[in-house]
PDB file of N, CA and C in Angstrom:
ATOM      1  N   MET A   1     -65.121 -69.141  33.228  1.00  0.00           N
ATOM      2  CA  MET A   1     -64.148 -68.960  31.810  1.00  0.00           C
ATOM      3  C   MET A   1     -65.017 -69.809  30.717  1.00  0.00           C
ATOM      4  N   ALA A   2     -64.876 -69.722  29.416  1.00  0.00           N
ATOM      5  CA  ALA A   2     -65.840 -70.364  28.398  1.00  0.00           C
ATOM      6  C   ALA A   2     -65.097 -71.519  28.006  1.00  0.00           C
ATOM      7  N   GLY A   3     -63.884 -71.667  28.112  1.00  0.00           N
ATOM      8  CA  GLY A   3     -63.165 -73.023  27.978  1.00  0.00           C
ATOM      9  C   GLY A   3     -61.545 -72.917  28.474  1.00  0.00           C
ATOM     10  N   GLY A   4     -60.935 -73.866  28.505  1.00  0.00           N
ATOM     11  CA  GLY A   4     -59.627 -74.175  28.544  1.00  0.00           C
ATOM     12  C   GLY A   4     -58.549 -73.330  27.621  1.00  0.00           C
ATOM     13  N   ALA A   5     -59.219 -73.362  26.435  1.00  0.00           N
ATOM     14  CA  ALA A   5     -58.524 -73.110  24.938  1.00  0.00           C
ATOM     15  C   ALA A   5     -57.705 -71.819  25.130  1.00  0.00           C
ATOM     16  N   HIS A   6     -58.252 -70.846  25.930  1.00  0.00           N
ATOM     17  CA  HIS A   6     -57.715 -69.403  25.975  1.00  0.00           C
ATOM     18  C   HIS A   6     -56.868 -69.144  27.196  1.00  0.00           C
ATOM     19  N   HIS A   7     -56.743 -70.137  27.977  1.00  0.00           N
ATOM     20  CA  HIS A   7     -55.974 -69.706  29.296  1.00  0.00           C
ATOM     21  C   HIS A   7     -54.595 -69.600  28.964  1.00  0.00           C
ATOM     22  N   PRO A   8     -53.948 -68.576  29.432  1.00  0.00           N
ATOM     23  CA  PRO A   8     -52.318 -68.362  29.095  1.00  0.00           C
ATOM     24  C   PRO A   8     -51.623 -69.226  29.752  1.00  0.00           C
ATOM     25  N   GLN A   9     -50.302 -69.523  29.010  1.00  0.00           N
ATOM     26  CA  GLN A   9     -49.502 -70.412  29.452  1.00  0.00           C
ATOM     27  C   GLN A   9     -48.493 -69.806  30.592  1.00  0.00           C
ATOM     28  N   PRO A  10     -47.829 -70.547  31.630  1.00  0.00           N
ATOM     29  CA  PRO A  10     -47.115 -70.117  32.370  1.00  0.00           C
ATOM     30  C   PRO A  10     -45.866 -68.924  31.811  1.00  0.00           C
ATOM     31  N   ARG A  11     -45.404 -69.097  30.797  1.00  0.00           N
ATOM     32  CA  ARG A  11     -44.499 -68.286  30.287  1.00  0.00           C
ATOM     33  C   ARG A  11     -45.159 -66.793  29.896  1.00  0.00           C
ATOM     34  N   GLN A  12     -46.634 -66.825  29.588  1.00  0.00           N
ATOM     35  CA  GLN A  12     -47.009 -65.867  29.156  1.00  0.00           C
ATOM     36  C   GLN A  12     -47.212 -64.936  30.779  1.00  0.00           C
ATOM     37  N   TYR A  13     -47.520 -65.552  31.867  1.00  0.00           N
ATOM     38  CA  TYR A  13     -47.442 -64.982  32.987  1.00  0.00           C
ATOM     39  C   TYR A  13     -46.038 -64.479  33.293  1.00  0.00           C
ATOM     40  N   VAL A  14     -45.159 -65.157  33.142  1.00  0.00           N
ATOM     41  CA  VAL A  14     -43.815 -64.487  33.707  1.00  0.00           C
ATOM     42  C   VAL A  14     -43.274 -63.317  32.679  1.00  0.00           C
ATOM     43  N   MET A  15     -43.771 -63.293  31.428  1.00  0.00           N
ATOM     44  CA  MET A  15     -43.645 -62.013  30.659  1.00  0.00           C
ATOM     45  C   MET A  15     -44.390 -60.738  31.059  1.00  0.00           C
ATOM     46  N   ILE A  16     -45.593 -61.309  31.352  1.00  0.00           N
ATOM     47  CA  ILE A  16     -46.617 -60.157  32.097  1.00  0.00           C
ATOM     48  C   ILE A  16     -45.643 -59.575  33.302  1.00  0.00           C
ATOM     49  N   ALA A  17     -45.371 -60.418  34.101  1.00  0.00           N
ATOM     50  CA  ALA A  17     -44.757 -59.997  35.517  1.00  0.00           C
ATOM     51  C   ALA A  17     -43.398 -59.458  35.322  1.00  0.00           C
ATOM     52  N   ILE A  18     -42.763 -59.551  34.031  1.00  0.00           N
ATOM     53  CA  ILE A  18     -41.567 -58.707  33.943  1.00  0.00           C
ATOM     54  C   ILE A  18     -41.978 -57.514  33.513  1.00  0.00           C
ATOM     55  N   VAL A  19     -42.883 -57.360  32.382  1.00  0.00           N
ATOM     56  CA  VAL A  19     -43.632 -56.032  32.118  1.00  0.00           C
ATOM     57  C   VAL A  19     -44.145 -55.208  33.110  1.00  0.00           C
ATOM     58  N   LEU A  20     -44.634 -55.731  34.077  1.00  0.00           N
ATOM     59  CA  LEU A  20     -45.212 -54.960  35.303  1.00  0.00           C
ATOM     60  C   LEU A  20     -44.156 -54.634  36.114  1.00  0.00           C
ATOM     61  N   ALA A  21     -43.280 -55.298  36.089  1.00  0.00           N
ATOM     62  CA  ALA A  21     -41.737 -54.915  36.945  1.00  0.00           C
ATOM     63  C   ALA A  21     -41.270 -53.761  36.278  1.00  0.00           C
ATOM     64  N   VAL A  22     -40.837 -53.757  34.954  1.00  0.00           N
ATOM     65  CA  VAL A  22     -40.245 -52.670  34.239  1.00  0.00           C
ATOM     66  C   VAL A  22     -41.104 -51.620  34.288  1.00  0.00           C
ATOM     67  N   LEU A  23     -42.374 -51.583  33.960  1.00  0.00           N
ATOM     68  CA  LEU A  23     -43.244 -50.378  34.200  1.00  0.00           C
ATOM     69  C   LEU A  23     -43.273 -49.847  35.684  1.00  0.00           C
ATOM     70  N   THR A  24     -43.056 -50.709  37.042  1.00  0.00           N
ATOM     71  CA  THR A  24     -42.980 -50.196  37.890  1.00  0.00           C
ATOM     72  C   THR A  24     -41.639 -49.468  38.251  1.00  0.00           C
ATOM     73  N   ALA A  25     -40.602 -49.780  37.817  1.00  0.00           N
ATOM     74  CA  ALA A  25     -39.358 -49.489  37.644  1.00  0.00           C
ATOM     75  C   ALA A  25     -39.401 -48.026  36.947  1.00  0.00           C
ATOM     76  N   ALA A  26     -40.195 -47.997  35.828  1.00  0.00           N
ATOM     77  CA  ALA A  26     -40.199 -46.893  35.319  1.00  0.00           C
ATOM     78  C   ALA A  26     -40.626 -45.623  36.281  1.00  0.00           C
ATOM     79  N   GLU A  27     -42.041 -46.296  36.931  1.00  0.00           N
ATOM     80  CA  GLU A  27     -42.428 -45.228  37.400  1.00  0.00           C
ATOM     81  C   GLU A  27     -41.964 -44.735  38.974  1.00  0.00           C
ATOM     82  N   VAL A  28     -41.133 -45.603  39.433  1.00  0.00           N
ATOM     83  CA  VAL A  28     -40.165 -45.194  40.339  1.00  0.00           C
ATOM     84  C   VAL A  28     -39.072 -43.992  39.969  1.00  0.00           C
ATOM     85  N   ALA A  29     -38.464 -44.372  38.862  1.00  0.00           N
ATOM     86  CA  ALA A  29     -37.534 -43.530  38.366  1.00  0.00           C
ATOM     87  C   ALA A  29     -38.229 -42.242  37.874  1.00  0.00           C
ATOM     88  N   LEU A  30     -39.264 -42.058  37.128  1.00  0.00           N
ATOM     89  CA  LEU A  30     -40.229 -40.729  36.933  1.00  0.00           C
ATOM     90  C   LEU A  30     -40.168 -40.157  38.197  1.00  0.00           C
ATOM     91  N   PHE A  31     -40.446 -40.841  39.569  1.00  0.00           N
ATOM     92  CA  PHE A  31     -40.678 -40.237  40.332  1.00  0.00           C
ATOM     93  C   PHE A  31     -39.537 -39.372  40.994  1.00  0.00           C
ATOM     94  N   TYR A  32     -38.595 -40.197  40.891  1.00  0.00           N
ATOM     95  CA  TYR A  32     -37.209 -39.369  41.407  1.00  0.00           C
ATOM     96  C   TYR A  32     -36.525 -38.564  40.500  1.00  0.00           C
ATOM     97  N   LEU A  33     -36.902 -38.655  39.404  1.00  0.00           N
ATOM     98  CA  LEU A  33     -36.080 -37.661  38.352  1.00  0.00           C
ATOM     99  C   LEU A  33     -37.070 -36.427  38.401  1.00  0.00           C
ATOM    100  N   GLU A  34     -38.200 -36.463  38.960  1.00  0.00           N
ATOM    101  CA  GLU A  34     -39.224 -35.144  38.908  1.00  0.00           C
ATOM    102  C   GLU A  34     -38.415 -33.929  39.668  1.00  0.00           C
ATOM    103  N   ALA A  35     -37.515 -34.421  40.702  1.00  0.00           N
ATOM    104  CA  ALA A  35     -36.966 -33.252  41.579  1.00  0.00           C
ATOM    105  C   ALA A  35     -36.074 -32.390  40.810  1.00  0.00           C
ATOM    106  N   GLY A  36     -35.418 -32.823  39.672  1.00  0.00           N
ATOM    107  CA  GLY A  36     -34.416 -31.823  38.980  1.00  0.00           C
ATOM    108  C   GLY A  36     -35.168 -31.185  37.703  1.00  0.00           C
ATOM    109  N   VAL A  37     -36.151 -31.369  37.619  1.00  0.00           N
ATOM    110  CA  VAL A  37     -36.993 -30.799  36.492  1.00  0.00           C
ATOM    111  C   VAL A  37     -37.711 -29.488  36.513  1.00  0.00           C
ATOM    112  N   ASP A  38     -37.871 -28.758  35.496  1.00  0.00           N
ATOM    113  CA  ASP A  38     -38.531 -27.460  35.912  1.00  0.00           C
ATOM    114  C   ASP A  38     -40.095 -27.586  35.815  1.00  0.00           C
ATOM    115  N   ALA A  39     -40.768 -26.516  35.774  1.00  0.00           N
ATOM    116  CA  ALA A  39     -42.097 -26.680  36.301  1.00  0.00           C
ATOM    117  C   ALA A  39     -42.883 -27.116  35.241  1.00  0.00           C
ATOM    118  N   ILE A  40     -42.616 -27.289  33.867  1.00  0.00           N
ATOM    119  CA  ILE A  40     -43.190 -27.943  32.627  1.00  0.00           C
ATOM    120  C   ILE A  40     -43.078 -29.327  32.748  1.00  0.00           C
ATOM    121  N   GLY A  41     -41.798 -29.839  33.102  1.00  0.00           N
ATOM    122  CA  GLY A  41     -41.372 -31.113  33.090  1.00  0.00           C
ATOM    123  C   GLY A  41     -42.443 -31.534  34.697  1.00  0.00           C
ATOM    124  N   GLN A  42     -42.512 -31.183  35.531  1.00  0.00           N
ATOM    125  CA  GLN A  42     -43.092 -31.792  36.721  1.00  0.00           C
ATOM    126  C   GLN A  42     -44.624 -31.659  36.455  1.00  0.00           C
ATOM    127  N   SER A  43     -45.329 -30.728  35.536  1.00  0.00           N
ATOM    128  CA  SER A  43     -46.462 -30.730  35.140  1.00  0.00           C
ATOM    129  C   SER A  43     -46.869 -32.081  34.397  1.00  0.00           C
ATOM    130  N   LEU A  44     -46.074 -32.551  33.662  1.00  0.00           N
ATOM    131  CA  LEU A  44     -46.194 -33.714  32.668  1.00  0.00           C
ATOM    132  C   LEU A  44     -45.743 -35.029  33.665  1.00  0.00           C
ATOM    133  N   THR A  45     -45.068 -35.239  35.008  1.00  0.00           N
ATOM    134  CA  THR A  45     -45.097 -36.014  35.697  1.00  0.00           C
ATOM    135  C   THR A  45     -46.149 -36.909  36.066  1.00  0.00           C
ATOM    136  N   VAL A  46     -47.178 -35.988  36.734  1.00  0.00           N
ATOM    137  CA  VAL A  46     -48.760 -36.802  37.120  1.00  0.00           C
ATOM    138  C   VAL A  46     -49.026 -37.496  36.249  1.00  0.00           C
ATOM    139  N   PRO A  47     -49.292 -36.746  35.057  1.00  0.00           N
ATOM    140  CA  PRO A  47     -50.237 -37.666  33.831  1.00  0.00           C
ATOM    141  C   PRO A  47     -49.472 -38.829  33.359  1.00  0.00           C
ATOM    142  N   ALA A  48     -48.190 -38.798  32.960  1.00  0.00           N
ATOM    143  CA  ALA A  48     -47.351 -39.881  33.024  1.00  0.00           C
ATOM    144  C   ALA A  48     -47.377 -40.887  33.652  1.00  0.00           C
ATOM    145  N   LEU A  49     -47.540 -40.765  35.274  1.00  0.00           N
ATOM    146  CA  LEU A  49     -47.481 -41.740  36.445  1.00  0.00           C
ATOM    147  C   LEU A  49     -49.020 -42.178  36.256  1.00  0.00           C
ATOM    148  N   LEU A  50     -50.016 -41.696  36.075  1.00  0.00           N
ATOM    149  CA  LEU A  50     -51.309 -42.079  35.570  1.00  0.00           C
ATOM    150  C   LEU A  50     -51.496 -42.943  34.771  1.00  0.00           C
ATOM    151  N   ILE A  51     -50.910 -42.645  33.410  1.00  0.00           N
ATOM    152  CA  ILE A  51     -50.795 -43.327  32.145  1.00  0.00           C
ATOM    153  C   ILE A  51     -50.325 -44.720  32.608  1.00  0.00           C
ATOM    154  N   LEU A  52     -49.229 -44.783  33.214  1.00  0.00           N
ATOM    155  CA  LEU A  52     -48.167 -46.088  33.427  1.00  0.00           C
ATOM    156  C   LEU A  52     -49.120 -46.853  34.130  1.00  0.00           C
ATOM    157  N   SER A  53     -50.033 -46.221  35.317  1.00  0.00           N
ATOM    158  CA  SER A  53     -50.455 -46.942  36.433  1.00  0.00           C
ATOM    159  C   SER A  53     -51.909 -47.428  35.710  1.00  0.00           C
ATOM    160  N   ALA A  54     -52.434 -46.806  34.727  1.00  0.00           N
ATOM    161  CA  ALA A  54     -53.674 -47.477  34.096  1.00  0.00           C
ATOM    162  C   ALA A  54     -53.108 -48.604  33.353  1.00  0.00           C
ATOM    163  N   LEU A  55     -52.186 -48.403  32.695  1.00  0.00           N
ATOM    164  CA  LEU A  55     -51.417 -49.305  31.660  1.00  0.00           C
ATOM    165  C   LEU A  55     -51.567 -50.780  32.679  1.00  0.00           C
ATOM    166  N   LYS A  56     -50.711 -50.720  33.841  1.00  0.00           N
ATOM    167  CA  LYS A  56     -50.574 -51.844  34.626  1.00  0.00           C
ATOM    168  C   LYS A  56     -51.735 -52.352  35.102  1.00  0.00           C
ATOM    169  N   PHE A  57     -52.711 -51.396  35.459  1.00  0.00           N
ATOM    170  CA  PHE A  57     -54.267 -51.999  35.938  1.00  0.00           C
ATOM    171  C   PHE A  57     -54.630 -52.920  34.886  1.00  0.00           C
ATOM    172  N   TYR A  58     -54.822 -52.316  33.716  1.00  0.00           N
ATOM    173  CA  TYR A  58     -55.432 -53.061  32.457  1.00  0.00           C
ATOM    174  C   TYR A  58     -54.675 -54.676  32.406  1.00  0.00           C
ATOM    175  N   LEU A  59     -53.367 -54.705  32.440  1.00  0.00           N
ATOM    176  CA  LEU A  59     -52.784 -55.818  32.354  1.00  0.00           C
ATOM    177  C   LEU A  59     -53.070 -56.843  33.546  1.00  0.00           C
ATOM    178  N   VAL A  60     -53.049 -56.390  34.617  1.00  0.00           N
ATOM    179  CA  VAL A  60     -53.527 -57.048  35.810  1.00  0.00           C
ATOM    180  C   VAL A  60     -54.896 -57.703  35.782  1.00  0.00           C
ATOM    181  N   VAL A  61     -55.866 -56.886  35.463  1.00  0.00           N
ATOM    182  CA  VAL A  61     -57.287 -57.253  35.233  1.00  0.00           C
ATOM    183  C   VAL A  61     -57.356 -57.929  34.054  1.00  0.00           C
ATOM    184  N   ALA A  62     -56.601 -57.920  32.831  1.00  0.00           N
ATOM    185  CA  ALA A  62     -56.944 -58.394  31.598  1.00  0.00           C
ATOM    186  C   ALA A  62     -56.321 -59.831  31.874  1.00  0.00           C
ATOM    187  N   MET A  63     -55.224 -60.053  32.308  1.00  0.00           N
ATOM    188  CA  MET A  63     -54.181 -61.447  32.337  1.00  0.00           C
ATOM    189  C   MET A  63     -54.523 -61.918  33.576  1.00  0.00           C
ATOM    190  N   PHE A  64     -54.174 -61.357  34.636  1.00  0.00           N
ATOM    191  CA  PHE A  64     -54.388 -62.551  36.003  1.00  0.00           C
ATOM    192  C   PHE A  64     -55.685 -62.556  36.520  1.00  0.00           C
ATOM    193  N   MET A  65     -56.688 -61.608  36.108  1.00  0.00           N
ATOM    194  CA  MET A  65     -57.884 -61.657  36.642  1.00  0.00           C
ATOM    195  C   MET A  65     -58.808 -62.628  35.376  1.00  0.00           C
ATOM    196  N   HIS A  66     -58.046 -62.752  34.279  1.00  0.00           N
ATOM    197  CA  HIS A  66     -58.895 -63.484  33.304  1.00  0.00           C
ATOM    198  C   HIS A  66     -59.943 -62.920  32.498  1.00  0.00           C
ATOM    199  N   LEU A  67     -60.134 -61.400  32.760  1.00  0.00           N
ATOM    200  CA  LEU A  67     -61.136 -60.809  31.862  1.00  0.00           C
ATOM    201  C   LEU A  67     -60.710 -60.716  30.594  1.00  0.00           C
ATOM    202  N   ARG A  68     -59.792 -60.812  30.200  1.00  0.00           N
ATOM    203  CA  ARG A  68     -59.339 -60.811  28.533  1.00  0.00           C
ATOM    204  C   ARG A  68     -60.209 -62.109  27.781  1.00  0.00           C
ATOM    205  N   PHE A  69     -60.277 -62.943  28.549  1.00  0.00           N
ATOM    206  CA  PHE A  69     -60.273 -64.364  27.991  1.00  0.00           C
ATOM    207  C   PHE A  69     -61.812 -64.731  28.294  1.00  0.00           C
ATOM    208  N   GLU A  70     -62.690 -63.802  29.032  1.00  0.00           N
ATOM    209  CA  GLU A  70     -64.124 -64.232  29.415  1.00  0.00           C
ATOM    210  C   GLU A  70     -65.095 -63.578  28.354  1.00  0.00           C
ATOM    211  N   LYS A  71     -66.577 -63.927  28.489  1.00  0.00           N
ATOM    212  CA  LYS A  71     -67.382 -63.170  27.698  1.00  0.00           C
ATOM    213  C   LYS A  71     -67.381 -61.632  27.691  1.00  0.00           C
ATOM    214  N   ARG A  72     -67.814 -61.049  26.728  1.00  0.00           N
ATOM    215  CA  ARG A  72     -67.799 -59.491  26.808  1.00  0.00           C
ATOM    216  C   ARG A  72     -68.728 -58.638  27.726  1.00  0.00           C
ATOM    217  N   LEU A  73     -69.683 -59.634  27.952  1.00  0.00           N
ATOM    218  CA  LEU A  73     -70.462 -59.040  29.054  1.00  0.00           C
ATOM    219  C   LEU A  73     -69.948 -59.154  30.482  1.00  0.00           C
ATOM    220  N   LEU A  74     -69.173 -59.881  30.821  1.00  0.00           N
ATOM    221  CA  LEU A  74     -68.502 -59.711  32.226  1.00  0.00           C
ATOM    222  C   LEU A  74     -67.433 -58.592  32.280  1.00  0.00           C
ATOM    223  N   SER A  75     -66.772 -58.578  31.049  1.00  0.00           N
ATOM    224  CA  SER A  75     -65.881 -57.389  30.993  1.00  0.00           C
ATOM    225  C   SER A  75     -66.634 -56.172  30.845  1.00  0.00           C
ATOM    226  N   ARG A  76     -67.781 -55.780  30.138  1.00  0.00           N
ATOM    227  CA  ARG A  76     -68.642 -54.901  30.353  1.00  0.00           C
ATOM    228  C   ARG A  76     -69.199 -54.536  31.583  1.00  0.00           C
ATOM    229  N   PHE A  77     -69.435 -55.349  32.911  1.00  0.00           N
ATOM    230  CA  PHE A  77     -69.919 -55.211  34.091  1.00  0.00           C
ATOM    231  C   PHE A  77     -68.815 -54.842  34.830  1.00  0.00           C
ATOM    232  N   PHE A  78     -67.654 -55.310  34.572  1.00  0.00           N
ATOM    233  CA  PHE A  78     -66.622 -54.950  35.331  1.00  0.00           C
ATOM    234  C   PHE A  78     -66.167 -53.534  35.026  1.00  0.00           C
ATOM    235  N   THR A  79     -65.807 -53.188  33.751  1.00  0.00           N
ATOM    236  CA  THR A  79     -65.549 -52.057  33.395  1.00  0.00           C
ATOM    237  C   THR A  79     -66.661 -50.711  33.672  1.00  0.00           C
ATOM    238  N   SER A  80     -68.019 -51.292  33.574  1.00  0.00           N
ATOM    239  CA  SER A  80     -69.214 -50.080  34.173  1.00  0.00           C
ATOM    240  C   SER A  80     -68.979 -49.960  35.410  1.00  0.00           C
ATOM    241  N   GLY A  81     -68.647 -50.901  36.517  1.00  0.00           N
ATOM    242  CA  GLY A  81     -68.500 -50.663  37.727  1.00  0.00           C
ATOM    243  C   GLY A  81     -67.311 -49.945  38.084  1.00  0.00           C
ATOM    244  N   ALA A  82     -66.175 -50.129  37.373  1.00  0.00           N
ATOM    245  CA  ALA A  82     -64.910 -49.486  37.820  1.00  0.00           C
ATOM    246  C   ALA A  82     -65.095 -47.807  37.092  1.00  0.00           C
ATOM    247  N   ILE A  83     -66.133 -47.568  36.387  1.00  0.00           N
ATOM    248  CA  ILE A  83     -66.127 -46.106  36.075  1.00  0.00           C
ATOM    249  C   ILE A  83     -67.164 -45.541  37.008  1.00  0.00           C
ATOM    250  N   LEU A  84     -68.046 -46.359  37.429  1.00  0.00           N
ATOM    251  CA  LEU A  84     -69.132 -45.585  38.192  1.00  0.00           C
ATOM    252  C   LEU A  84     -68.498 -45.290  39.852  1.00  0.00           C
ATOM    253  N   ALA A  85     -67.453 -46.466  40.088  1.00  0.00           N
ATOM    254  CA  ALA A  85     -66.463 -46.278  41.357  1.00  0.00           C
ATOM    255  C   ALA A  85     -65.564 -44.895  41.069  1.00  0.00           C
ATOM    256  N   GLY A  86     -65.116 -44.855  39.854  1.00  0.00           N
ATOM    257  CA  GLY A  86     -64.014 -43.521  39.898  1.00  0.00           C
ATOM    258  C   GLY A  86     -64.862 -42.297  39.623  1.00  0.00           C
ATOM    259  N   ALA A  87     -66.114 -42.422  39.350  1.00  0.00           N
ATOM    260  CA  ALA A  87     -66.915 -41.053  39.194  1.00  0.00           C
ATOM    261  C   ALA A  87     -67.454 -40.877  40.573  1.00  0.00           C
ATOM    262  N   LEU A  88     -67.883 -41.850  41.517  1.00  0.00           N
ATOM    263  CA  LEU A  88     -68.209 -41.841  43.146  1.00  0.00           C
ATOM    264  C   LEU A  88     -66.759 -41.043  43.466  1.00  0.00           C
ATOM    265  N   TYR A  89     -65.876 -41.489  43.439  1.00  0.00           N
ATOM    266  CA  TYR A  89     -64.856 -41.092  44.215  1.00  0.00           C
ATOM    267  C   TYR A  89     -64.501 -39.821  43.778  1.00  0.00           C
ATOM    268  N   LEU A  90     -64.567 -39.333  42.630  1.00  0.00           N
ATOM    269  CA  LEU A  90     -64.366 -37.621  42.133  1.00  0.00           C
ATOM    270  C   LEU A  90     -65.526 -37.159  42.863  1.00  0.00           C
ATOM    271  N   ILE A  91     -66.743 -37.413  42.908  1.00  0.00           N
ATOM    272  CA  ILE A  91     -67.668 -36.736  43.152  1.00  0.00           C
ATOM    273  C   ILE A  91     -67.472 -36.469  44.846  1.00  0.00           C
ATOM    274  N   THR A  92     -67.101 -37.423  45.431  1.00  0.00           N
ATOM    275  CA  THR A  92     -66.688 -37.486  46.877  1.00  0.00           C
ATOM    276  C   THR A  92     -65.478 -36.340  46.912  1.00  0.00           C
ATOM    277  N   LEU A  93     -64.492 -36.375  46.310  1.00  0.00           N
ATOM    278  CA  LEU A  93     -63.612 -35.389  46.489  1.00  0.00           C
ATOM    279  C   LEU A  93     -63.967 -34.150  46.355  1.00  0.00           C
ATOM    280  N   ALA A  94     -64.976 -33.972  45.418  1.00  0.00           N
ATOM    281  CA  ALA A  94     -65.556 -32.580  44.893  1.00  0.00           C
ATOM    282  C   ALA A  94     -66.429 -31.893  46.103  1.00  0.00           C
ATOM    283  N   ALA A  95     -67.234 -32.762  46.696  1.00  0.00           N
ATOM    284  CA  ALA A  95     -68.067 -32.613  47.702  1.00  0.00           C
ATOM    285  C   ALA A  95     -67.043 -31.910  48.962  1.00  0.00           C
ATOM    286  N   LEU A  96     -66.140 -32.929  49.462  1.00  0.00           N
ATOM    287  CA  LEU A  96     -65.317 -32.397  50.322  1.00  0.00           C
ATOM    288  C   LEU A  96     -64.273 -31.303  50.073  1.00  0.00           C
ATOM    289  N   GLY A  97     -64.336 -30.633  48.769  1.00  0.00           N
ATOM    290  CA  GLY A  97     -63.698 -29.426  48.454  1.00  0.00           C
ATOM    291  C   GLY A  97     -62.211 -29.823  48.342  1.00  0.00           C
ATOM    292  N   ALA A  98     -61.657 -31.341  48.030  1.00  0.00           N
ATOM    293  CA  ALA A  98     -60.416 -31.394  47.491  1.00  0.00           C
ATOM    294  C   ALA A  98     -60.331 -31.250  46.150  1.00  0.00           C
ATOM    295  N   VAL A  99     -61.098 -31.559  45.326  1.00  0.00           N
ATOM    296  CA  VAL A  99     -60.844 -31.019  43.945  1.00  0.00           C
ATOM    297  C   VAL A  99     -61.793 -30.353  43.477  1.00  0.00           C
ATOM    298  N   VAL A 100     -61.647 -29.594  42.059  1.00  0.00           N
ATOM    299  CA  VAL A 100     -62.641 -29.089  41.470  1.00  0.00           C
ATOM    300  C   VAL A 100     -62.920 -29.532  40.184  1.00  0.00           C
ATOM    301  N   LEU A 101     -64.064 -30.028  39.708  1.00  0.00           N
ATOM    302  CA  LEU A 101     -64.513 -30.665  38.719  1.00  0.00           C
ATOM    303  C   LEU A 101     -64.616 -29.754  37.518  1.00  0.00           C
ATOM    304  N   PHE A 102     -65.400 -28.783  37.743  1.00  0.00           N
ATOM    305  CA  PHE A 102     -65.453 -27.674  36.517  1.00  0.00           C
ATOM    306  C   PHE A 102     -65.287 -26.496  36.774  1.00  0.00           C
TER     307      PHE A 102
END
């Protein structure tokens, strides 16, 4: 870390934990509410869950892994590695016939 000046206070950790708990509760509620929704609503459930999961991922990585307070180079290394891992995952799924990319 560049220095101790940017380190979050314990109160901020508690606030992030509360936000993560609320987002998780929203995901669970969205999953259970999906059963009574028509086809259009069900088609929006998966993208909504993916967006909520991505937001939670960002909060954990940025705050608990301290990437928000590190130099940009380290954040770029992490981001590029995550993008490459996601691309490799999609390529593997496509090769196995589980998903059609194009």
